[in-house]
Amino acid sequence: MPQRQGDIAMRTPSKSLLIEKYINERVGQDIKPDQIAQATDCTIQSVYLFIRKNPQRFTKVTRGTFKINPANNQVFSNNEGTI
């Protein structure tokens, strides 16, 4: 449900953005999907869907435990600057 601020209805951030922000702060750590779900107030199904759609961000350590990998947001430069 959207949050209301004055007369303007504001949407809450998407689940993907909340999960992305959370894991970006914990790169290199081993974490369980239920920990992400609790911290981001998302369902466990949403977390597993995020993991399936972003496999490059996770490495399976053991059953139910994943290591968080850094994002691949690389900046490429050429003669005119960055792309």
PDB file of N, CA and C in Angstrom:
ATOM      1  N   MET A   1       0.837  -1.174   0.000  1.00  0.00           N
ATOM      2  CA  MET A   1       0.000   0.000   0.000  1.00  0.00           C
ATOM      3  C   MET A   1       0.886   1.242   0.000  1.00  0.00           C
ATOM      4  N   PRO A   2       0.581   2.229  -0.837  1.00  0.00           N
ATOM      5  CA  PRO A   2       1.418   3.423  -0.892  1.00  0.00           C
ATOM      6  C   PRO A   2       1.382   4.207   0.408  1.00  0.00           C
ATOM      7  N   GLN A   3       2.499   4.812   0.722  1.00  0.00           N
ATOM      8  CA  GLN A   3       2.555   5.704   1.870  1.00  0.00           C
ATOM      9  C   GLN A   3       2.008   7.060   1.445  1.00  0.00           C
ATOM     10  N   ARG A   4       1.422   7.781   2.386  1.00  0.00           N
ATOM     11  CA  ARG A   4       0.881   9.096   2.062  1.00  0.00           C
ATOM     12  C   ARG A   4       1.719  10.168   2.736  1.00  0.00           C
ATOM     13  N   GLN A   5       2.081  11.147   1.966  1.00  0.00           N
ATOM     14  CA  GLN A   5       2.820  12.289   2.492  1.00  0.00           C
ATOM     15  C   GLN A   5       2.082  13.522   2.015  1.00  0.00           C
ATOM     16  N   GLY A   6       1.361  14.164   2.932  1.00  0.00           N
ATOM     17  CA  GLY A   6       0.515  15.279   2.519  1.00  0.00           C
ATOM     18  C   GLY A   6      -0.589  14.753   1.637  1.00  0.00           C
ATOM     19  N   ASP A   7      -0.756  15.331   0.471  1.00  0.00           N
ATOM     20  CA  ASP A   7      -1.770  14.884  -0.476  1.00  0.00           C
ATOM     21  C   ASP A   7      -1.190  13.999  -1.566  1.00  0.00           C
ATOM     22  N   ILE A   8       0.098  13.672  -1.470  1.00  0.00           N
ATOM     23  CA  ILE A   8       0.762  12.910  -2.517  1.00  0.00           C
ATOM     24  C   ILE A   8       0.957  11.474  -2.035  1.00  0.00           C
ATOM     25  N   ALA A   9       0.497  10.514  -2.819  1.00  0.00           N
ATOM     26  CA  ALA A   9       0.713   9.108  -2.491  1.00  0.00           C
ATOM     27  C   ALA A   9       2.104   8.723  -2.967  1.00  0.00           C
ATOM     28  N   MET A  10       2.900   8.171  -2.048  1.00  0.00           N
ATOM     29  CA  MET A  10       4.263   7.773  -2.382  1.00  0.00           C
ATOM     30  C   MET A  10       4.350   6.255  -2.327  1.00  0.00           C
ATOM     31  N   ARG A  11       4.934   5.641  -3.354  1.00  0.00           N
ATOM     32  CA  ARG A  11       5.123   4.198  -3.363  1.00  0.00           C
ATOM     33  C   ARG A  11       6.307   3.830  -2.483  1.00  0.00           C
ATOM     34  N   THR A  12       6.212   2.679  -1.861  1.00  0.00           N
ATOM     35  CA  THR A  12       7.362   2.185  -1.123  1.00  0.00           C
ATOM     36  C   THR A  12       8.362   1.647  -2.143  1.00  0.00           C
ATOM     37  N   PRO A  13       9.647   1.643  -1.804  1.00  0.00           N
ATOM     38  CA  PRO A  13      10.649   1.131  -2.761  1.00  0.00           C
ATOM     39  C   PRO A  13      10.345  -0.316  -3.130  1.00  0.00           C
ATOM     40  N   SER A  14      10.696  -0.692  -4.347  1.00  0.00           N
ATOM     41  CA  SER A  14      10.430  -2.057  -4.790  1.00  0.00           C
ATOM     42  C   SER A  14      11.248  -3.041  -3.966  1.00  0.00           C
ATOM     43  N   LYS A  15      10.773  -4.265  -3.916  1.00  0.00           N
ATOM     44  CA  LYS A  15      11.470  -5.300  -3.161  1.00  0.00           C
ATOM     45  C   LYS A  15      12.871  -5.513  -3.704  1.00  0.00           C
ATOM     46  N   SER A  16      13.009  -5.488  -5.025  1.00  0.00           N
ATOM     47  CA  SER A  16      14.328  -5.690  -5.627  1.00  0.00           C
ATOM     48  C   SER A  16      15.310  -4.620  -5.185  1.00  0.00           C
ATOM     49  N   LEU A  17      14.846  -3.374  -5.136  1.00  0.00           N
ATOM     50  CA  LEU A  17      15.728  -2.289  -4.705  1.00  0.00           C
ATOM     51  C   LEU A  17      16.121  -2.440  -3.242  1.00  0.00           C
ATOM     52  N   LEU A  18      15.176  -2.872  -2.408  1.00  0.00           N
ATOM     53  CA  LEU A  18      15.482  -3.082  -0.995  1.00  0.00           C
ATOM     54  C   LEU A  18      16.504  -4.201  -0.818  1.00  0.00           C
ATOM     55  N   ILE A  19      16.308  -5.298  -1.541  1.00  0.00           N
ATOM     56  CA  ILE A  19      17.242  -6.424  -1.452  1.00  0.00           C
ATOM     57  C   ILE A  19      18.606  -6.025  -1.991  1.00  0.00           C
ATOM     58  N   GLU A  20      18.621  -5.321  -3.120  1.00  0.00           N
ATOM     59  CA  GLU A  20      19.875  -4.867  -3.728  1.00  0.00           C
ATOM     60  C   GLU A  20      20.668  -3.993  -2.756  1.00  0.00           C
ATOM     61  N   LYS A  21      19.990  -3.053  -2.132  1.00  0.00           N
ATOM     62  CA  LYS A  21      20.653  -2.164  -1.173  1.00  0.00           C
ATOM     63  C   LYS A  21      21.217  -2.964   0.002  1.00  0.00           C
ATOM     64  N   TYR A  22      20.437  -3.900   0.498  1.00  0.00           N
ATOM     65  CA  TYR A  22      20.853  -4.711   1.640  1.00  0.00           C
ATOM     66  C   TYR A  22      22.097  -5.537   1.313  1.00  0.00           C
ATOM     67  N   ILE A  23      22.089  -6.205   0.164  1.00  0.00           N
ATOM     68  CA  ILE A  23      23.244  -7.066  -0.162  1.00  0.00           C
ATOM     69  C   ILE A  23      24.468  -6.243  -0.554  1.00  0.00           C
ATOM     70  N   ASN A  24      24.267  -5.046  -1.107  1.00  0.00           N
ATOM     71  CA  ASN A  24      25.413  -4.196  -1.446  1.00  0.00           C
ATOM     72  C   ASN A  24      26.190  -3.793  -0.196  1.00  0.00           C
ATOM     73  N   GLU A  25      25.512  -3.724   0.934  1.00  0.00           N
ATOM     74  CA  GLU A  25      26.163  -3.369   2.198  1.00  0.00           C
ATOM     75  C   GLU A  25      26.845  -4.571   2.842  1.00  0.00           C
ATOM     76  N   ARG A  26      26.639  -5.777   2.280  1.00  0.00           N
ATOM     77  CA  ARG A  26      27.161  -6.994   2.892  1.00  0.00           C
ATOM     78  C   ARG A  26      27.939  -7.871   1.912  1.00  0.00           C
ATOM     79  N   VAL A  27      28.601  -7.259   0.957  1.00  0.00           N
ATOM     80  CA  VAL A  27      29.378  -8.008  -0.042  1.00  0.00           C
ATOM     81  C   VAL A  27      30.470  -8.815   0.661  1.00  0.00           C
ATOM     82  N   GLY A  28      30.606 -10.080   0.256  1.00  0.00           N
ATOM     83  CA  GLY A  28      31.618 -10.958   0.829  1.00  0.00           C
ATOM     84  C   GLY A  28      31.142 -11.760   2.018  1.00  0.00           C
ATOM     85  N   GLN A  29      29.981 -11.445   2.546  1.00  0.00           N
ATOM     86  CA  GLN A  29      29.460 -12.161   3.704  1.00  0.00           C
ATOM     87  C   GLN A  29      28.653 -13.371   3.278  1.00  0.00           C
ATOM     88  N   ASP A  30      28.631 -14.383   4.145  1.00  0.00           N
ATOM     89  CA  ASP A  30      27.740 -15.530   3.956  1.00  0.00           C
ATOM     90  C   ASP A  30      26.415 -15.189   4.630  1.00  0.00           C
ATOM     91  N   ILE A  31      25.331 -15.452   3.924  1.00  0.00           N
ATOM     92  CA  ILE A  31      24.026 -15.059   4.442  1.00  0.00           C
ATOM     93  C   ILE A  31      22.969 -16.050   3.990  1.00  0.00           C
ATOM     94  N   LYS A  32      21.918 -16.165   4.762  1.00  0.00           N
ATOM     95  CA  LYS A  32      20.800 -17.051   4.429  1.00  0.00           C
ATOM     96  C   LYS A  32      19.644 -16.197   3.899  1.00  0.00           C
ATOM     97  N   PRO A  33      18.886 -16.727   2.954  1.00  0.00           N
ATOM     98  CA  PRO A  33      17.771 -15.969   2.387  1.00  0.00           C
ATOM     99  C   PRO A  33      16.761 -15.482   3.428  1.00  0.00           C
ATOM    100  N   ASP A  34      16.547 -16.256   4.484  1.00  0.00           N
ATOM    101  CA  ASP A  34      15.588 -15.799   5.490  1.00  0.00           C
ATOM    102  C   ASP A  34      16.093 -14.570   6.243  1.00  0.00           C
ATOM    103  N   GLN A  35      17.415 -14.420   6.357  1.00  0.00           N
ATOM    104  CA  GLN A  35      17.967 -13.212   6.970  1.00  0.00           C
ATOM    105  C   GLN A  35      17.684 -11.990   6.100  1.00  0.00           C
ATOM    106  N   ILE A  36      17.831 -12.158   4.790  1.00  0.00           N
ATOM    107  CA  ILE A  36      17.543 -11.063   3.858  1.00  0.00           C
ATOM    108  C   ILE A  36      16.066 -10.714   3.926  1.00  0.00           C
ATOM    109  N   ALA A  37      15.209 -11.733   3.952  1.00  0.00           N
ATOM    110  CA  ALA A  37      13.758 -11.507   3.998  1.00  0.00           C
ATOM    111  C   ALA A  37      13.358 -10.731   5.246  1.00  0.00           C
ATOM    112  N   GLN A  38      13.896 -11.106   6.385  1.00  0.00           N
ATOM    113  CA  GLN A  38      13.565 -10.410   7.631  1.00  0.00           C
ATOM    114  C   GLN A  38      14.074  -8.973   7.622  1.00  0.00           C
ATOM    115  N   ALA A  39      15.291  -8.774   7.145  1.00  0.00           N
ATOM    116  CA  ALA A  39      15.904  -7.435   7.170  1.00  0.00           C
ATOM    117  C   ALA A  39      15.225  -6.475   6.203  1.00  0.00           C
ATOM    118  N   THR A  40      14.718  -6.996   5.090  1.00  0.00           N
ATOM    119  CA  THR A  40      14.118  -6.131   4.064  1.00  0.00           C
ATOM    120  C   THR A  40      12.599  -6.135   4.099  1.00  0.00           C
ATOM    121  N   ASP A  41      12.016  -6.903   5.007  1.00  0.00           N
ATOM    122  CA  ASP A  41      10.566  -7.018   5.139  1.00  0.00           C
ATOM    123  C   ASP A  41       9.929  -7.527   3.840  1.00  0.00           C
ATOM    124  N   CYS A  42      10.600  -8.479   3.208  1.00  0.00           N
ATOM    125  CA  CYS A  42      10.109  -9.130   1.995  1.00  0.00           C
ATOM    126  C   CYS A  42       9.797 -10.588   2.327  1.00  0.00           C
ATOM    127  N   THR A  43       9.082 -11.244   1.443  1.00  0.00           N
ATOM    128  CA  THR A  43       8.820 -12.656   1.639  1.00  0.00           C
ATOM    129  C   THR A  43      10.040 -13.462   1.207  1.00  0.00           C
ATOM    130  N   ILE A  44      10.152 -14.666   1.738  1.00  0.00           N
ATOM    131  CA  ILE A  44      11.261 -15.550   1.358  1.00  0.00           C
ATOM    132  C   ILE A  44      11.182 -15.881  -0.125  1.00  0.00           C
ATOM    133  N   GLN A  45       9.960 -15.963  -0.672  1.00  0.00           N
ATOM    134  CA  GLN A  45       9.785 -16.228  -2.096  1.00  0.00           C
ATOM    135  C   GLN A  45      10.372 -15.098  -2.936  1.00  0.00           C
ATOM    136  N   SER A  46      10.202 -13.863  -2.497  1.00  0.00           N
ATOM    137  CA  SER A  46      10.764 -12.712  -3.213  1.00  0.00           C
ATOM    138  C   SER A  46      12.284 -12.756  -3.210  1.00  0.00           C
ATOM    139  N   VAL A  47      12.863 -13.176  -2.091  1.00  0.00           N
ATOM    140  CA  VAL A  47      14.322 -13.270  -1.989  1.00  0.00           C
ATOM    141  C   VAL A  47      14.843 -14.359  -2.932  1.00  0.00           C
ATOM    142  N   TYR A  48      14.208 -15.530  -2.929  1.00  0.00           N
ATOM    143  CA  TYR A  48      14.643 -16.600  -3.831  1.00  0.00           C
ATOM    144  C   TYR A  48      14.462 -16.203  -5.300  1.00  0.00           C
ATOM    145  N   LEU A  49      13.407 -15.466  -5.608  1.00  0.00           N
ATOM    146  CA  LEU A  49      13.214 -14.977  -6.973  1.00  0.00           C
ATOM    147  C   LEU A  49      14.343 -14.023  -7.352  1.00  0.00           C
ATOM    148  N   PHE A  50      14.738 -13.136  -6.438  1.00  0.00           N
ATOM    149  CA  PHE A  50      15.848 -12.221  -6.683  1.00  0.00           C
ATOM    150  C   PHE A  50      17.139 -13.000  -6.918  1.00  0.00           C
ATOM    151  N   ILE A  51      17.371 -14.039  -6.110  1.00  0.00           N
ATOM    152  CA  ILE A  51      18.583 -14.850  -6.268  1.00  0.00           C
ATOM    153  C   ILE A  51      18.597 -15.538  -7.632  1.00  0.00           C
ATOM    154  N   ARG A  52      17.447 -16.074  -8.054  1.00  0.00           N
ATOM    155  CA  ARG A  52      17.380 -16.737  -9.370  1.00  0.00           C
ATOM    156  C   ARG A  52      17.588 -15.756 -10.515  1.00  0.00           C
ATOM    157  N   LYS A  53      17.105 -14.521 -10.376  1.00  0.00           N
ATOM    158  CA  LYS A  53      17.247 -13.528 -11.445  1.00  0.00           C
ATOM    159  C   LYS A  53      18.611 -12.863 -11.444  1.00  0.00           C
ATOM    160  N   ASN A  54      19.356 -12.982 -10.349  1.00  0.00           N
ATOM    161  CA  ASN A  54      20.668 -12.347 -10.221  1.00  0.00           C
ATOM    162  C   ASN A  54      21.712 -13.360  -9.731  1.00  0.00           C
ATOM    163  N   PRO A  55      21.914 -14.447 -10.473  1.00  0.00           N
ATOM    164  CA  PRO A  55      22.831 -15.493  -9.986  1.00  0.00           C
ATOM    165  C   PRO A  55      24.280 -15.030  -9.859  1.00  0.00           C
ATOM    166  N   GLN A  56      24.665 -14.002 -10.602  1.00  0.00           N
ATOM    167  CA  GLN A  56      26.039 -13.499 -10.528  1.00  0.00           C
ATOM    168  C   GLN A  56      26.329 -12.836  -9.182  1.00  0.00           C
ATOM    169  N   ARG A  57      25.307 -12.467  -8.437  1.00  0.00           N
ATOM    170  CA  ARG A  57      25.496 -11.803  -7.148  1.00  0.00           C
ATOM    171  C   ARG A  57      25.670 -12.780  -5.992  1.00  0.00           C
ATOM    172  N   PHE A  58      25.475 -14.089  -6.247  1.00  0.00           N
ATOM    173  CA  PHE A  58      25.504 -15.069  -5.172  1.00  0.00           C
ATOM    174  C   PHE A  58      26.322 -16.296  -5.560  1.00  0.00           C
ATOM    175  N   THR A  59      27.033 -16.837  -4.587  1.00  0.00           N
ATOM    176  CA  THR A  59      27.720 -18.106  -4.738  1.00  0.00           C
ATOM    177  C   THR A  59      27.201 -19.013  -3.625  1.00  0.00           C
ATOM    178  N   LYS A  60      26.748 -20.208  -3.987  1.00  0.00           N
ATOM    179  CA  LYS A  60      26.223 -21.130  -2.987  1.00  0.00           C
ATOM    180  C   LYS A  60      27.374 -21.673  -2.153  1.00  0.00           C
ATOM    181  N   VAL A  61      27.282 -21.530  -0.841  1.00  0.00           N
ATOM    182  CA  VAL A  61      28.300 -22.003   0.081  1.00  0.00           C
ATOM    183  C   VAL A  61      27.904 -23.389   0.592  1.00  0.00           C
ATOM    184  N   THR A  62      26.759 -23.468   1.191  1.00  0.00           N
ATOM    185  CA  THR A  62      26.171 -24.731   1.626  1.00  0.00           C
ATOM    186  C   THR A  62      24.680 -24.639   1.335  1.00  0.00           C
ATOM    187  N   ARG A  63      23.967 -25.700   1.635  1.00  0.00           N
ATOM    188  CA  ARG A  63      22.526 -25.686   1.401  1.00  0.00           C
ATOM    189  C   ARG A  63      21.877 -24.571   2.218  1.00  0.00           C
ATOM    190  N   GLY A  64      21.260 -23.622   1.527  1.00  0.00           N
ATOM    191  CA  GLY A  64      20.567 -22.517   2.187  1.00  0.00           C
ATOM    192  C   GLY A  64      21.456 -21.363   2.605  1.00  0.00           C
ATOM    193  N   THR A  65      22.729 -21.391   2.252  1.00  0.00           N
ATOM    194  CA  THR A  65      23.650 -20.300   2.582  1.00  0.00           C
ATOM    195  C   THR A  65      24.357 -19.849   1.322  1.00  0.00           C
ATOM    196  N   PHE A  66      24.390 -18.538   1.125  1.00  0.00           N
ATOM    197  CA  PHE A  66      24.997 -17.962  -0.065  1.00  0.00           C
ATOM    198  C   PHE A  66      26.027 -16.913   0.335  1.00  0.00           C
ATOM    199  N   LYS A  67      27.081 -16.806  -0.473  1.00  0.00           N
ATOM    200  CA  LYS A  67      28.060 -15.727  -0.315  1.00  0.00           C
ATOM    201  C   LYS A  67      27.657 -14.624  -1.279  1.00  0.00           C
ATOM    202  N   ILE A  68      27.656 -13.396  -0.806  1.00  0.00           N
ATOM    203  CA  ILE A  68      27.253 -12.261  -1.637  1.00  0.00           C
ATOM    204  C   ILE A  68      28.444 -11.768  -2.438  1.00  0.00           C
ATOM    205  N   ASN A  69      28.283 -11.736  -3.750  1.00  0.00           N
ATOM    206  CA  ASN A  69      29.325 -11.255  -4.658  1.00  0.00           C
ATOM    207  C   ASN A  69      29.101  -9.783  -4.972  1.00  0.00           C
ATOM    208  N   PRO A  70      30.163  -9.058  -5.322  1.00  0.00           N
ATOM    209  CA  PRO A  70      29.995  -7.645  -5.683  1.00  0.00           C
ATOM    210  C   PRO A  70      29.234  -7.498  -6.993  1.00  0.00           C
ATOM    211  N   ALA A  71      28.599  -6.350  -7.154  1.00  0.00           N
ATOM    212  CA  ALA A  71      27.898  -6.047  -8.409  1.00  0.00           C
ATOM    213  C   ALA A  71      28.930  -5.819  -9.499  1.00  0.00           C
ATOM    214  N   ASN A  72      28.550  -6.135 -10.720  1.00  0.00           N
ATOM    215  CA  ASN A  72      29.459  -5.952 -11.855  1.00  0.00           C
ATOM    216  C   ASN A  72      29.192  -4.633 -12.557  1.00  0.00           C
ATOM    217  N   ASN A  73      29.085  -3.566 -11.800  1.00  0.00           N
ATOM    218  CA  ASN A  73      28.878  -2.237 -12.384  1.00  0.00           C
ATOM    219  C   ASN A  73      30.241  -1.659 -12.741  1.00  0.00           C
ATOM    220  N   GLN A  74      30.739  -2.034 -13.909  1.00  0.00           N
ATOM    221  CA  GLN A  74      32.054  -1.582 -14.330  1.00  0.00           C
ATOM    222  C   GLN A  74      31.917  -0.331 -15.183  1.00  0.00           C
ATOM    223  N   VAL A  75      32.889   0.538 -15.060  1.00  0.00           N
ATOM    224  CA  VAL A  75      32.928   1.746 -15.873  1.00  0.00           C
ATOM    225  C   VAL A  75      33.981   1.528 -16.950  1.00  0.00           C
ATOM    226  N   PHE A  76      33.579   1.687 -18.187  1.00  0.00           N
ATOM    227  CA  PHE A  76      34.491   1.538 -19.310  1.00  0.00           C
ATOM    228  C   PHE A  76      34.888   2.923 -19.794  1.00  0.00           C
ATOM    229  N   SER A  77      36.166   3.104 -20.064  1.00  0.00           N
ATOM    230  CA  SER A  77      36.606   4.414 -20.535  1.00  0.00           C
ATOM    231  C   SER A  77      37.173   4.269 -21.947  1.00  0.00           C
ATOM    232  N   ASN A  78      37.019   5.344 -22.694  1.00  0.00           N
ATOM    233  CA  ASN A  78      37.597   5.399 -24.028  1.00  0.00           C
ATOM    234  C   ASN A  78      38.263   6.762 -24.184  1.00  0.00           C
ATOM    235  N   ASN A  79      38.624   7.145 -25.393  1.00  0.00           N
ATOM    236  CA  ASN A  79      39.343   8.414 -25.602  1.00  0.00           C
ATOM    237  C   ASN A  79      38.495   9.634 -25.259  1.00  0.00           C
ATOM    238  N   GLU A  80      37.164   9.534 -25.400  1.00  0.00           N
ATOM    239  CA  GLU A  80      36.302  10.681 -25.125  1.00  0.00           C
ATOM    240  C   GLU A  80      35.843  10.734 -23.677  1.00  0.00           C
ATOM    241  N   GLY A  81      36.139   9.749 -22.867  1.00  0.00           N
ATOM    242  CA  GLY A  81      35.683   9.720 -21.486  1.00  0.00           C
ATOM    243  C   GLY A  81      35.123   8.356 -21.139  1.00  0.00           C
ATOM    244  N   THR A  82      34.163   8.332 -20.274  1.00  0.00           N
ATOM    245  CA  THR A  82      33.594   7.053 -19.852  1.00  0.00           C
ATOM    246  C   THR A  82      32.325   6.749 -20.625  1.00  0.00           C
ATOM    247  N   ILE A  83      32.026   5.487 -20.703  1.00  0.00           N
ATOM    248  CA  ILE A  83      30.813   5.042 -21.393  1.00  0.00           C
ATOM    249  C   ILE A  83      29.820   4.573 -20.344  1.00  0.00           C
TER     250      ILE A  83
END
